[in-house]
All heavy atoms as atom14 arrays in JSON, in Angstrom:
{
  "sequence": "QMMEAKFPRVEMDILSMGMSGDFKVAIEEGATLIRVGTSVFGQRYLPD",
  "atom14_mask": [
    [1, 1, 1, 1, 1, 1, 1, 1, 1, 0, 0, 0, 0, 0],
    [1, 1, 1, 1, 1, 1, 1, 1, 0, 0, 0, 0, 0, 0],
    [1, 1, 1, 1, 1, 1, 1, 1, 0, 0, 0, 0, 0, 0],
    [1, 1, 1, 1, 1, 1, 1, 1, 1, 0, 0, 0, 0, 0],
    [1, 1, 1, 1, 1, 0, 0, 0, 0, 0, 0, 0, 0, 0],
    [1, 1, 1, 1, 1, 1, 1, 1, 1, 0, 0, 0, 0, 0],
    [1, 1, 1, 1, 1, 1, 1, 1, 1, 1, 1, 0, 0, 0],
    [1, 1, 1, 1, 1, 1, 1, 0, 0, 0, 0, 0, 0, 0],
    [1, 1, 1, 1, 1, 1, 1, 1, 1, 1, 1, 0, 0, 0],
    [1, 1, 1, 1, 1, 1, 1, 0, 0, 0, 0, 0, 0, 0],
    [1, 1, 1, 1, 1, 1, 1, 1, 1, 0, 0, 0, 0, 0],
    [1, 1, 1, 1, 1, 1, 1, 1, 0, 0, 0, 0, 0, 0],
    [1, 1, 1, 1, 1, 1, 1, 1, 0, 0, 0, 0, 0, 0],
    [1, 1, 1, 1, 1, 1, 1, 1, 0, 0, 0, 0, 0, 0],
    [1, 1, 1, 1, 1, 1, 1, 1, 0, 0, 0, 0, 0, 0],
    [1, 1, 1, 1, 1, 1, 0, 0, 0, 0, 0, 0, 0, 0],
    [1, 1, 1, 1, 1, 1, 1, 1, 0, 0, 0, 0, 0, 0],
    [1, 1, 1, 1, 0, 0, 0, 0, 0, 0, 0, 0, 0, 0],
    [1, 1, 1, 1, 1, 1, 1, 1, 0, 0, 0, 0, 0, 0],
    [1, 1, 1, 1, 1, 1, 0, 0, 0, 0, 0, 0, 0, 0],
    [1, 1, 1, 1, 0, 0, 0, 0, 0, 0, 0, 0, 0, 0],
    [1, 1, 1, 1, 1, 1, 1, 1, 0, 0, 0, 0, 0, 0],
    [1, 1, 1, 1, 1, 1, 1, 1, 1, 1, 1, 0, 0, 0],
    [1, 1, 1, 1, 1, 1, 1, 1, 1, 0, 0, 0, 0, 0],
    [1, 1, 1, 1, 1, 1, 1, 0, 0, 0, 0, 0, 0, 0],
    [1, 1, 1, 1, 1, 0, 0, 0, 0, 0, 0, 0, 0, 0],
    [1, 1, 1, 1, 1, 1, 1, 1, 0, 0, 0, 0, 0, 0],
    [1, 1, 1, 1, 1, 1, 1, 1, 1, 0, 0, 0, 0, 0],
    [1, 1, 1, 1, 1, 1, 1, 1, 1, 0, 0, 0, 0, 0],
    [1, 1, 1, 1, 0, 0, 0, 0, 0, 0, 0, 0, 0, 0],
    [1, 1, 1, 1, 1, 0, 0, 0, 0, 0, 0, 0, 0, 0],
    [1, 1, 1, 1, 1, 1, 1, 0, 0, 0, 0, 0, 0, 0],
    [1, 1, 1, 1, 1, 1, 1, 1, 0, 0, 0, 0, 0, 0],
    [1, 1, 1, 1, 1, 1, 1, 1, 0, 0, 0, 0, 0, 0],
    [1, 1, 1, 1, 1, 1, 1, 1, 1, 1, 1, 0, 0, 0],
    [1, 1, 1, 1, 1, 1, 1, 0, 0, 0, 0, 0, 0, 0],
    [1, 1, 1, 1, 0, 0, 0, 0, 0, 0, 0, 0, 0, 0],
    [1, 1, 1, 1, 1, 1, 1, 0, 0, 0, 0, 0, 0, 0],
    [1, 1, 1, 1, 1, 1, 0, 0, 0, 0, 0, 0, 0, 0],
    [1, 1, 1, 1, 1, 1, 1, 0, 0, 0, 0, 0, 0, 0],
    [1, 1, 1, 1, 1, 1, 1, 1, 1, 1, 1, 0, 0, 0],
    [1, 1, 1, 1, 0, 0, 0, 0, 0, 0, 0, 0, 0, 0],
    [1, 1, 1, 1, 1, 1, 1, 1, 1, 0, 0, 0, 0, 0],
    [1, 1, 1, 1, 1, 1, 1, 1, 1, 1, 1, 0, 0, 0],
    [1, 1, 1, 1, 1, 1, 1, 1, 1, 1, 1, 1, 0, 0],
    [1, 1, 1, 1, 1, 1, 1, 1, 0, 0, 0, 0, 0, 0],
    [1, 1, 1, 1, 1, 1, 1, 0, 0, 0, 0, 0, 0, 0],
    [1, 1, 1, 1, 1, 1, 1, 1, 0, 0, 0, 0, 0, 0]
  ],
  "atom14_positions": [
    [[103.34, 83.26, 49.9], [102.94, 81.99, 49.21], [101.37, 81.96, 48.88], [100.92, 81.57, 47.83], [103.4, 80.72, 50.0], [104.82, 80.48, 50.05], [105.12, 79.48, 51.2], [104.2, 78.84, 51.77], [106.45, 79.23, 51.36], [0.0, 0.0, 0.0], [0.0, 0.0, 0.0], [0.0, 0.0, 0.0], [0.0, 0.0, 0.0], [0.0, 0.0, 0.0]],
    [[100.72, 82.43, 49.94], [99.17, 82.52, 49.83], [98.76, 83.37, 48.64], [97.92, 83.13, 47.88], [98.6, 83.03, 51.15], [98.86, 82.14, 52.36], [97.78, 80.67, 52.28], [98.43, 79.91, 53.81], [0.0, 0.0, 0.0], [0.0, 0.0, 0.0], [0.0, 0.0, 0.0], [0.0, 0.0, 0.0], [0.0, 0.0, 0.0], [0.0, 0.0, 0.0]],
    [[99.51, 84.56, 48.64], [99.18, 85.54, 47.62], [99.36, 84.97, 46.21], [98.63, 85.16, 45.28], [99.99, 86.82, 47.8], [99.4, 87.67, 49.0], [100.52, 89.06, 49.33], [99.54, 90.06, 50.41], [0.0, 0.0, 0.0], [0.0, 0.0, 0.0], [0.0, 0.0, 0.0], [0.0, 0.0, 0.0], [0.0, 0.0, 0.0], [0.0, 0.0, 0.0]],
    [[100.5, 84.23, 46.09], [100.93, 83.65, 44.8], [99.84, 82.51, 44.42], [99.62, 82.29, 43.26], [102.32, 83.05, 44.86], [103.35, 84.11, 44.71], [104.73, 83.57, 45.1], [104.94, 82.3, 45.03], [105.58, 84.33, 45.5], [0.0, 0.0, 0.0], [0.0, 0.0, 0.0], [0.0, 0.0, 0.0], [0.0, 0.0, 0.0], [0.0, 0.0, 0.0]],
    [[99.36, 81.9, 45.42], [98.38, 80.76, 45.16], [97.11, 81.29, 44.72], [96.31, 80.6, 44.03], [98.2, 79.97, 46.45], [0.0, 0.0, 0.0], [0.0, 0.0, 0.0], [0.0, 0.0, 0.0], [0.0, 0.0, 0.0], [0.0, 0.0, 0.0], [0.0, 0.0, 0.0], [0.0, 0.0, 0.0], [0.0, 0.0, 0.0], [0.0, 0.0, 0.0]],
    [[96.76, 82.56, 44.98], [95.53, 83.26, 44.48], [94.29, 82.38, 44.72], [93.48, 82.07, 43.78], [95.63, 83.5, 43.03], [96.72, 84.56, 42.63], [96.56, 84.95, 41.14], [97.33, 86.27, 40.81], [98.85, 85.98, 40.91], [0.0, 0.0, 0.0], [0.0, 0.0, 0.0], [0.0, 0.0, 0.0], [0.0, 0.0, 0.0], [0.0, 0.0, 0.0]],
    [[94.06, 81.96, 45.95], [92.85, 81.22, 46.24], [91.64, 82.21, 46.11], [91.7, 83.32, 46.62], [92.89, 80.67, 47.7], [93.96, 79.62, 47.9], [94.88, 79.74, 48.94], [94.0, 78.46, 47.1], [95.87, 78.75, 49.19], [95.08, 77.57, 47.3], [95.99, 77.67, 48.3], [0.0, 0.0, 0.0], [0.0, 0.0, 0.0], [0.0, 0.0, 0.0]],
    [[90.56, 81.73, 45.54], [89.45, 82.61, 45.37], [88.93, 83.0, 46.8], [88.93, 82.23, 47.71], [88.33, 81.77, 44.65], [89.06, 80.54, 44.17], [90.35, 80.46, 44.91], [0.0, 0.0, 0.0], [0.0, 0.0, 0.0], [0.0, 0.0, 0.0], [0.0, 0.0, 0.0], [0.0, 0.0, 0.0], [0.0, 0.0, 0.0], [0.0, 0.0, 0.0]],
    [[88.49, 84.23, 46.88], [87.85, 84.82, 48.14], [88.77, 84.9, 49.25], [88.44, 85.37, 50.42], [86.65, 83.92, 48.57], [85.51, 83.81, 47.6], [84.35, 82.92, 48.21], [84.0, 83.38, 49.59], [84.35, 82.79, 50.64], [85.04, 81.67, 50.62], [83.97, 83.27, 51.85], [0.0, 0.0, 0.0], [0.0, 0.0, 0.0], [0.0, 0.0, 0.0]],
    [[90.08, 84.58, 49.11], [91.0, 84.69, 50.24], [91.81, 86.0, 50.15], [92.42, 86.33, 49.05], [92.03, 83.48, 50.24], [93.13, 83.66, 51.3], [91.26, 82.18, 50.51], [0.0, 0.0, 0.0], [0.0, 0.0, 0.0], [0.0, 0.0, 0.0], [0.0, 0.0, 0.0], [0.0, 0.0, 0.0], [0.0, 0.0, 0.0], [0.0, 0.0, 0.0]],
    [[91.76, 86.79, 51.26], [92.51, 88.0, 51.34], [93.7, 87.81, 52.32], [93.5, 86.98, 53.14], [91.69, 89.13, 51.79], [90.61, 89.62, 50.85], [89.7, 90.64, 51.41], [90.08, 91.37, 52.36], [88.5, 90.7, 50.92], [0.0, 0.0, 0.0], [0.0, 0.0, 0.0], [0.0, 0.0, 0.0], [0.0, 0.0, 0.0], [0.0, 0.0, 0.0]],
    [[94.74, 88.44, 52.05], [95.92, 88.28, 53.02], [96.41, 89.66, 53.46], [97.62, 89.89, 53.52], [97.04, 87.56, 52.2], [96.85, 86.03, 52.17], [97.22, 85.36, 53.76], [95.92, 84.1, 53.99], [0.0, 0.0, 0.0], [0.0, 0.0, 0.0], [0.0, 0.0, 0.0], [0.0, 0.0, 0.0], [0.0, 0.0, 0.0], [0.0, 0.0, 0.0]],
    [[95.52, 90.55, 53.83], [95.94, 91.92, 54.21], [96.47, 91.99, 55.64], [97.15, 92.9, 56.0], [94.7, 92.89, 54.12], [94.28, 92.91, 52.61], [95.12, 92.65, 51.69], [93.14, 93.26, 52.36], [0.0, 0.0, 0.0], [0.0, 0.0, 0.0], [0.0, 0.0, 0.0], [0.0, 0.0, 0.0], [0.0, 0.0, 0.0], [0.0, 0.0, 0.0]],
    [[96.03, 91.07, 56.45], [96.35, 91.2, 57.93], [97.42, 90.14, 58.35], [97.23, 88.94, 58.09], [95.02, 90.94, 58.76], [94.02, 92.01, 58.44], [95.35, 91.06, 60.29], [92.64, 91.86, 59.13], [0.0, 0.0, 0.0], [0.0, 0.0, 0.0], [0.0, 0.0, 0.0], [0.0, 0.0, 0.0], [0.0, 0.0, 0.0], [0.0, 0.0, 0.0]],
    [[98.42, 90.65, 58.97], [99.33, 89.79, 59.69], [99.36, 90.14, 61.14], [99.85, 91.21, 61.58], [100.8, 90.0, 59.17], [101.26, 89.38, 57.85], [102.75, 89.53, 57.66], [100.87, 87.87, 57.74], [0.0, 0.0, 0.0], [0.0, 0.0, 0.0], [0.0, 0.0, 0.0], [0.0, 0.0, 0.0], [0.0, 0.0, 0.0], [0.0, 0.0, 0.0]],
    [[98.69, 89.29, 61.94], [98.53, 89.54, 63.37], [99.72, 88.86, 64.1], [99.73, 87.63, 64.24], [97.23, 89.0, 63.82], [97.16, 88.94, 65.28], [0.0, 0.0, 0.0], [0.0, 0.0, 0.0], [0.0, 0.0, 0.0], [0.0, 0.0, 0.0], [0.0, 0.0, 0.0], [0.0, 0.0, 0.0], [0.0, 0.0, 0.0], [0.0, 0.0, 0.0]],
    [[100.7, 89.65, 64.49], [101.88, 89.09, 65.17], [102.55, 90.14, 66.04], [102.53, 91.34, 65.67], [102.85, 88.44, 64.2], [103.4, 89.37, 63.06], [104.27, 88.46, 61.82], [105.18, 89.76, 61.02], [0.0, 0.0, 0.0], [0.0, 0.0, 0.0], [0.0, 0.0, 0.0], [0.0, 0.0, 0.0], [0.0, 0.0, 0.0], [0.0, 0.0, 0.0]],
    [[103.13, 89.76, 67.08], [103.75, 90.65, 68.02], [102.92, 90.93, 69.29], [101.79, 91.22, 69.12], [0.0, 0.0, 0.0], [0.0, 0.0, 0.0], [0.0, 0.0, 0.0], [0.0, 0.0, 0.0], [0.0, 0.0, 0.0], [0.0, 0.0, 0.0], [0.0, 0.0, 0.0], [0.0, 0.0, 0.0], [0.0, 0.0, 0.0], [0.0, 0.0, 0.0]],
    [[103.54, 90.75, 70.44], [102.92, 90.98, 71.74], [103.73, 91.98, 72.44], [104.8, 92.47, 71.92], [102.57, 89.66, 72.45], [101.79, 88.68, 71.61], [101.02, 87.29, 72.52], [102.47, 86.45, 73.11], [0.0, 0.0, 0.0], [0.0, 0.0, 0.0], [0.0, 0.0, 0.0], [0.0, 0.0, 0.0], [0.0, 0.0, 0.0], [0.0, 0.0, 0.0]],
    [[103.49, 92.19, 73.72], [104.3, 93.18, 74.52], [105.78, 93.04, 74.39], [106.48, 94.0, 74.22], [103.84, 93.11, 76.0], [102.5, 93.68, 76.22], [0.0, 0.0, 0.0], [0.0, 0.0, 0.0], [0.0, 0.0, 0.0], [0.0, 0.0, 0.0], [0.0, 0.0, 0.0], [0.0, 0.0, 0.0], [0.0, 0.0, 0.0], [0.0, 0.0, 0.0]],
    [[106.26, 91.81, 74.43], [107.79, 91.54, 74.48], [108.4, 91.65, 73.17], [109.62, 91.88, 72.99], [0.0, 0.0, 0.0], [0.0, 0.0, 0.0], [0.0, 0.0, 0.0], [0.0, 0.0, 0.0], [0.0, 0.0, 0.0], [0.0, 0.0, 0.0], [0.0, 0.0, 0.0], [0.0, 0.0, 0.0], [0.0, 0.0, 0.0], [0.0, 0.0, 0.0]],
    [[107.59, 91.59, 72.06], [108.27, 91.48, 70.75], [107.51, 92.25, 69.57], [107.91, 92.03, 68.44], [108.39, 89.95, 70.4], [107.08, 89.24, 70.36], [106.06, 89.89, 70.17], [107.12, 88.03, 70.51], [0.0, 0.0, 0.0], [0.0, 0.0, 0.0], [0.0, 0.0, 0.0], [0.0, 0.0, 0.0], [0.0, 0.0, 0.0], [0.0, 0.0, 0.0]],
    [[106.73, 93.19, 69.92], [105.95, 93.88, 68.88], [106.82, 94.71, 67.97], [106.51, 94.93, 66.82], [104.71, 94.6, 69.43], [105.0, 95.85, 70.12], [105.29, 97.07, 69.54], [104.91, 95.88, 71.66], [105.57, 98.19, 70.26], [105.23, 97.02, 72.3], [105.47, 98.2, 71.67], [0.0, 0.0, 0.0], [0.0, 0.0, 0.0], [0.0, 0.0, 0.0]],
    [[107.95, 95.24, 68.5], [108.79, 96.11, 67.65], [109.37, 95.24, 66.53], [109.45, 95.66, 65.34], [109.87, 96.77, 68.5], [109.23, 97.95, 69.37], [110.18, 98.45, 70.4], [110.31, 97.47, 71.56], [110.94, 98.05, 72.79], [0.0, 0.0, 0.0], [0.0, 0.0, 0.0], [0.0, 0.0, 0.0], [0.0, 0.0, 0.0], [0.0, 0.0, 0.0]],
    [[109.85, 94.08, 66.98], [110.46, 93.17, 65.92], [109.4, 92.74, 64.93], [109.65, 92.71, 63.65], [111.08, 91.91, 66.57], [111.56, 90.86, 65.55], [112.09, 92.3, 67.54], [0.0, 0.0, 0.0], [0.0, 0.0, 0.0], [0.0, 0.0, 0.0], [0.0, 0.0, 0.0], [0.0, 0.0, 0.0], [0.0, 0.0, 0.0], [0.0, 0.0, 0.0]],
    [[108.19, 92.48, 65.41], [107.01, 92.1, 64.49], [106.72, 93.14, 63.51], [106.52, 92.9, 62.35], [105.82, 91.75, 65.4], [0.0, 0.0, 0.0], [0.0, 0.0, 0.0], [0.0, 0.0, 0.0], [0.0, 0.0, 0.0], [0.0, 0.0, 0.0], [0.0, 0.0, 0.0], [0.0, 0.0, 0.0], [0.0, 0.0, 0.0], [0.0, 0.0, 0.0]],
    [[106.76, 94.45, 63.97], [106.45, 95.59, 63.08], [107.56, 95.59, 61.92], [107.34, 95.75, 60.78], [106.3, 96.88, 63.82], [105.11, 96.88, 64.63], [106.32, 98.08, 62.84], [104.98, 98.02, 65.58], [0.0, 0.0, 0.0], [0.0, 0.0, 0.0], [0.0, 0.0, 0.0], [0.0, 0.0, 0.0], [0.0, 0.0, 0.0], [0.0, 0.0, 0.0]],
    [[108.83, 95.38, 62.36], [109.94, 95.42, 61.45], [109.71, 94.33, 60.36], [110.21, 94.5, 59.25], [111.28, 95.26, 62.17], [111.66, 96.55, 62.91], [112.82, 96.23, 63.89], [113.45, 95.18, 63.82], [113.05, 97.17, 64.8], [0.0, 0.0, 0.0], [0.0, 0.0, 0.0], [0.0, 0.0, 0.0], [0.0, 0.0, 0.0], [0.0, 0.0, 0.0]],
    [[109.13, 93.28, 60.82], [108.93, 92.09, 59.87], [107.58, 92.05, 59.13], [107.22, 91.13, 58.47], [109.15, 90.74, 60.63], [110.58, 90.62, 61.12], [111.63, 90.66, 60.15], [111.36, 90.27, 58.94], [112.76, 91.14, 60.38], [0.0, 0.0, 0.0], [0.0, 0.0, 0.0], [0.0, 0.0, 0.0], [0.0, 0.0, 0.0], [0.0, 0.0, 0.0]],
    [[106.79, 93.1, 59.3], [105.62, 93.24, 58.45], [104.25, 93.13, 59.18], [103.24, 93.0, 58.51], [0.0, 0.0, 0.0], [0.0, 0.0, 0.0], [0.0, 0.0, 0.0], [0.0, 0.0, 0.0], [0.0, 0.0, 0.0], [0.0, 0.0, 0.0], [0.0, 0.0, 0.0], [0.0, 0.0, 0.0], [0.0, 0.0, 0.0], [0.0, 0.0, 0.0]],
    [[104.22, 93.07, 60.53], [102.95, 93.0, 61.23], [101.98, 94.13, 60.83], [102.49, 95.25, 60.69], [103.11, 93.02, 62.69], [0.0, 0.0, 0.0], [0.0, 0.0, 0.0], [0.0, 0.0, 0.0], [0.0, 0.0, 0.0], [0.0, 0.0, 0.0], [0.0, 0.0, 0.0], [0.0, 0.0, 0.0], [0.0, 0.0, 0.0], [0.0, 0.0, 0.0]],
    [[100.72, 93.82, 60.66], [99.75, 94.95, 60.44], [98.91, 95.08, 61.73], [98.08, 96.08, 61.77], [98.84, 94.65, 59.23], [98.04, 93.52, 59.51], [99.67, 94.42, 58.0], [0.0, 0.0, 0.0], [0.0, 0.0, 0.0], [0.0, 0.0, 0.0], [0.0, 0.0, 0.0], [0.0, 0.0, 0.0], [0.0, 0.0, 0.0], [0.0, 0.0, 0.0]],
    [[98.93, 94.15, 62.63], [98.13, 94.16, 63.81], [98.9, 93.55, 64.93], [99.44, 92.44, 64.83], [96.85, 93.31, 63.52], [95.76, 93.3, 64.57], [95.26, 94.69, 64.84], [94.53, 92.47, 64.05], [0.0, 0.0, 0.0], [0.0, 0.0, 0.0], [0.0, 0.0, 0.0], [0.0, 0.0, 0.0], [0.0, 0.0, 0.0], [0.0, 0.0, 0.0]],
    [[99.14, 94.32, 66.01], [99.88, 93.83, 67.16], [98.94, 93.61, 68.33], [98.05, 94.43, 68.51], [101.15, 94.68, 67.48], [100.68, 96.14, 67.81], [102.08, 94.7, 66.33], [101.83, 96.98, 68.4], [0.0, 0.0, 0.0], [0.0, 0.0, 0.0], [0.0, 0.0, 0.0], [0.0, 0.0, 0.0], [0.0, 0.0, 0.0], [0.0, 0.0, 0.0]],
    [[99.23, 92.65, 69.17], [98.32, 92.31, 70.31], [99.03, 92.65, 71.6], [99.83, 91.8, 72.05], [97.94, 90.81, 70.25], [97.46, 90.36, 68.87], [97.04, 88.92, 68.83], [98.13, 88.02, 69.14], [99.07, 87.49, 68.33], [99.06, 87.95, 67.01], [100.0, 86.73, 68.72], [0.0, 0.0, 0.0], [0.0, 0.0, 0.0], [0.0, 0.0, 0.0]],
    [[98.8, 93.76, 72.13], [99.52, 94.17, 73.33], [98.64, 94.27, 74.54], [97.59, 94.99, 74.59], [100.16, 95.55, 73.12], [100.95, 96.03, 74.28], [101.15, 95.43, 71.92], [0.0, 0.0, 0.0], [0.0, 0.0, 0.0], [0.0, 0.0, 0.0], [0.0, 0.0, 0.0], [0.0, 0.0, 0.0], [0.0, 0.0, 0.0], [0.0, 0.0, 0.0]],
    [[99.03, 93.62, 75.7], [98.25, 93.68, 76.91], [99.14, 94.28, 78.06], [98.95, 95.32, 78.61], [0.0, 0.0, 0.0], [0.0, 0.0, 0.0], [0.0, 0.0, 0.0], [0.0, 0.0, 0.0], [0.0, 0.0, 0.0], [0.0, 0.0, 0.0], [0.0, 0.0, 0.0], [0.0, 0.0, 0.0], [0.0, 0.0, 0.0], [0.0, 0.0, 0.0]],
    [[100.18, 93.44, 78.47], [100.98, 93.75, 79.66], [101.55, 95.16, 79.55], [101.61, 95.83, 80.58], [102.08, 92.67, 79.74], [101.52, 91.41, 79.58], [102.71, 92.71, 81.14], [0.0, 0.0, 0.0], [0.0, 0.0, 0.0], [0.0, 0.0, 0.0], [0.0, 0.0, 0.0], [0.0, 0.0, 0.0], [0.0, 0.0, 0.0], [0.0, 0.0, 0.0]],
    [[102.11, 95.49, 78.39], [102.74, 96.85, 78.25], [101.85, 97.98, 78.53], [102.28, 99.08, 78.93], [103.39, 97.01, 76.88], [104.52, 96.11, 76.77], [0.0, 0.0, 0.0], [0.0, 0.0, 0.0], [0.0, 0.0, 0.0], [0.0, 0.0, 0.0], [0.0, 0.0, 0.0], [0.0, 0.0, 0.0], [0.0, 0.0, 0.0], [0.0, 0.0, 0.0]],
    [[100.53, 97.79, 78.38], [99.62, 98.84, 78.58], [98.91, 98.7, 79.92], [98.81, 99.66, 80.75], [98.56, 98.88, 77.47], [97.37, 99.93, 77.79], [99.12, 99.29, 76.08], [0.0, 0.0, 0.0], [0.0, 0.0, 0.0], [0.0, 0.0, 0.0], [0.0, 0.0, 0.0], [0.0, 0.0, 0.0], [0.0, 0.0, 0.0], [0.0, 0.0, 0.0]],
    [[98.44, 97.52, 80.28], [97.66, 97.34, 81.44], [98.46, 96.87, 82.69], [97.95, 96.81, 83.85], [96.54, 96.36, 81.24], [95.62, 96.86, 80.13], [95.41, 96.04, 79.04], [94.85, 97.96, 80.23], [94.62, 96.43, 78.0], [93.97, 98.38, 79.29], [93.88, 97.6, 78.2], [0.0, 0.0, 0.0], [0.0, 0.0, 0.0], [0.0, 0.0, 0.0]],
    [[99.68, 96.56, 82.52], [100.57, 96.08, 83.64], [100.62, 94.53, 83.66], [99.87, 93.9, 82.99], [0.0, 0.0, 0.0], [0.0, 0.0, 0.0], [0.0, 0.0, 0.0], [0.0, 0.0, 0.0], [0.0, 0.0, 0.0], [0.0, 0.0, 0.0], [0.0, 0.0, 0.0], [0.0, 0.0, 0.0], [0.0, 0.0, 0.0], [0.0, 0.0, 0.0]],
    [[101.44, 94.04, 84.57], [101.64, 92.63, 84.69], [100.32, 91.87, 85.11], [99.51, 92.4, 85.94], [102.72, 92.25, 85.71], [104.2, 92.53, 85.26], [104.5, 91.72, 84.04], [104.14, 90.53, 83.87], [105.38, 92.22, 83.24], [0.0, 0.0, 0.0], [0.0, 0.0, 0.0], [0.0, 0.0, 0.0], [0.0, 0.0, 0.0], [0.0, 0.0, 0.0]],
    [[100.12, 90.75, 84.56], [99.05, 89.85, 85.01], [99.49, 88.97, 86.18], [100.72, 88.8, 86.38], [98.54, 89.04, 83.86], [97.86, 89.8, 82.83], [97.33, 88.95, 81.71], [98.42, 88.2, 81.14], [99.14, 88.54, 80.09], [98.82, 89.7, 79.5], [100.09, 87.76, 79.63], [0.0, 0.0, 0.0], [0.0, 0.0, 0.0], [0.0, 0.0, 0.0]],
    [[98.57, 88.33, 86.8], [98.81, 87.48, 87.98], [99.37, 86.13, 87.58], [99.92, 85.41, 88.36], [97.69, 87.41, 88.96], [97.17, 88.75, 89.41], [95.97, 89.25, 89.05], [97.98, 89.48, 90.22], [95.51, 90.52, 89.54], [97.63, 90.73, 90.76], [96.4, 91.3, 90.31], [95.98, 92.44, 90.73], [0.0, 0.0, 0.0], [0.0, 0.0, 0.0]],
    [[98.97, 85.69, 86.41], [99.33, 84.31, 85.95], [100.26, 84.4, 84.83], [100.21, 85.38, 83.98], [98.06, 83.62, 85.62], [97.12, 83.35, 86.86], [95.68, 83.15, 86.33], [97.63, 82.08, 87.59], [0.0, 0.0, 0.0], [0.0, 0.0, 0.0], [0.0, 0.0, 0.0], [0.0, 0.0, 0.0], [0.0, 0.0, 0.0], [0.0, 0.0, 0.0]],
    [[101.15, 83.38, 84.55], [102.07, 83.45, 83.45], [101.39, 83.29, 82.11], [100.28, 82.82, 81.97], [103.0, 82.31, 83.75], [102.13, 81.29, 84.53], [101.23, 82.13, 85.42], [0.0, 0.0, 0.0], [0.0, 0.0, 0.0], [0.0, 0.0, 0.0], [0.0, 0.0, 0.0], [0.0, 0.0, 0.0], [0.0, 0.0, 0.0], [0.0, 0.0, 0.0]],
    [[102.09, 83.67, 81.1], [101.58, 83.62, 79.72], [101.04, 82.16, 79.39], [100.05, 82.14, 78.62], [102.7, 84.02, 78.62], [102.54, 85.42, 78.23], [101.53, 86.07, 78.6], [103.44, 85.98, 77.56], [0.0, 0.0, 0.0], [0.0, 0.0, 0.0], [0.0, 0.0, 0.0], [0.0, 0.0, 0.0], [0.0, 0.0, 0.0], [0.0, 0.0, 0.0]]
  ]
}
């Protein structure tokens, strides 16, 4: 919708979505940037 609206100076290249538990689904749906912590660094001490 944003791309169709063609707002001046607005780019829509980045879709930041998907974290450790769901990044594969996010990639399948078009994510260009995934934010992964726990899967790489291990569990944190406090809940999400």
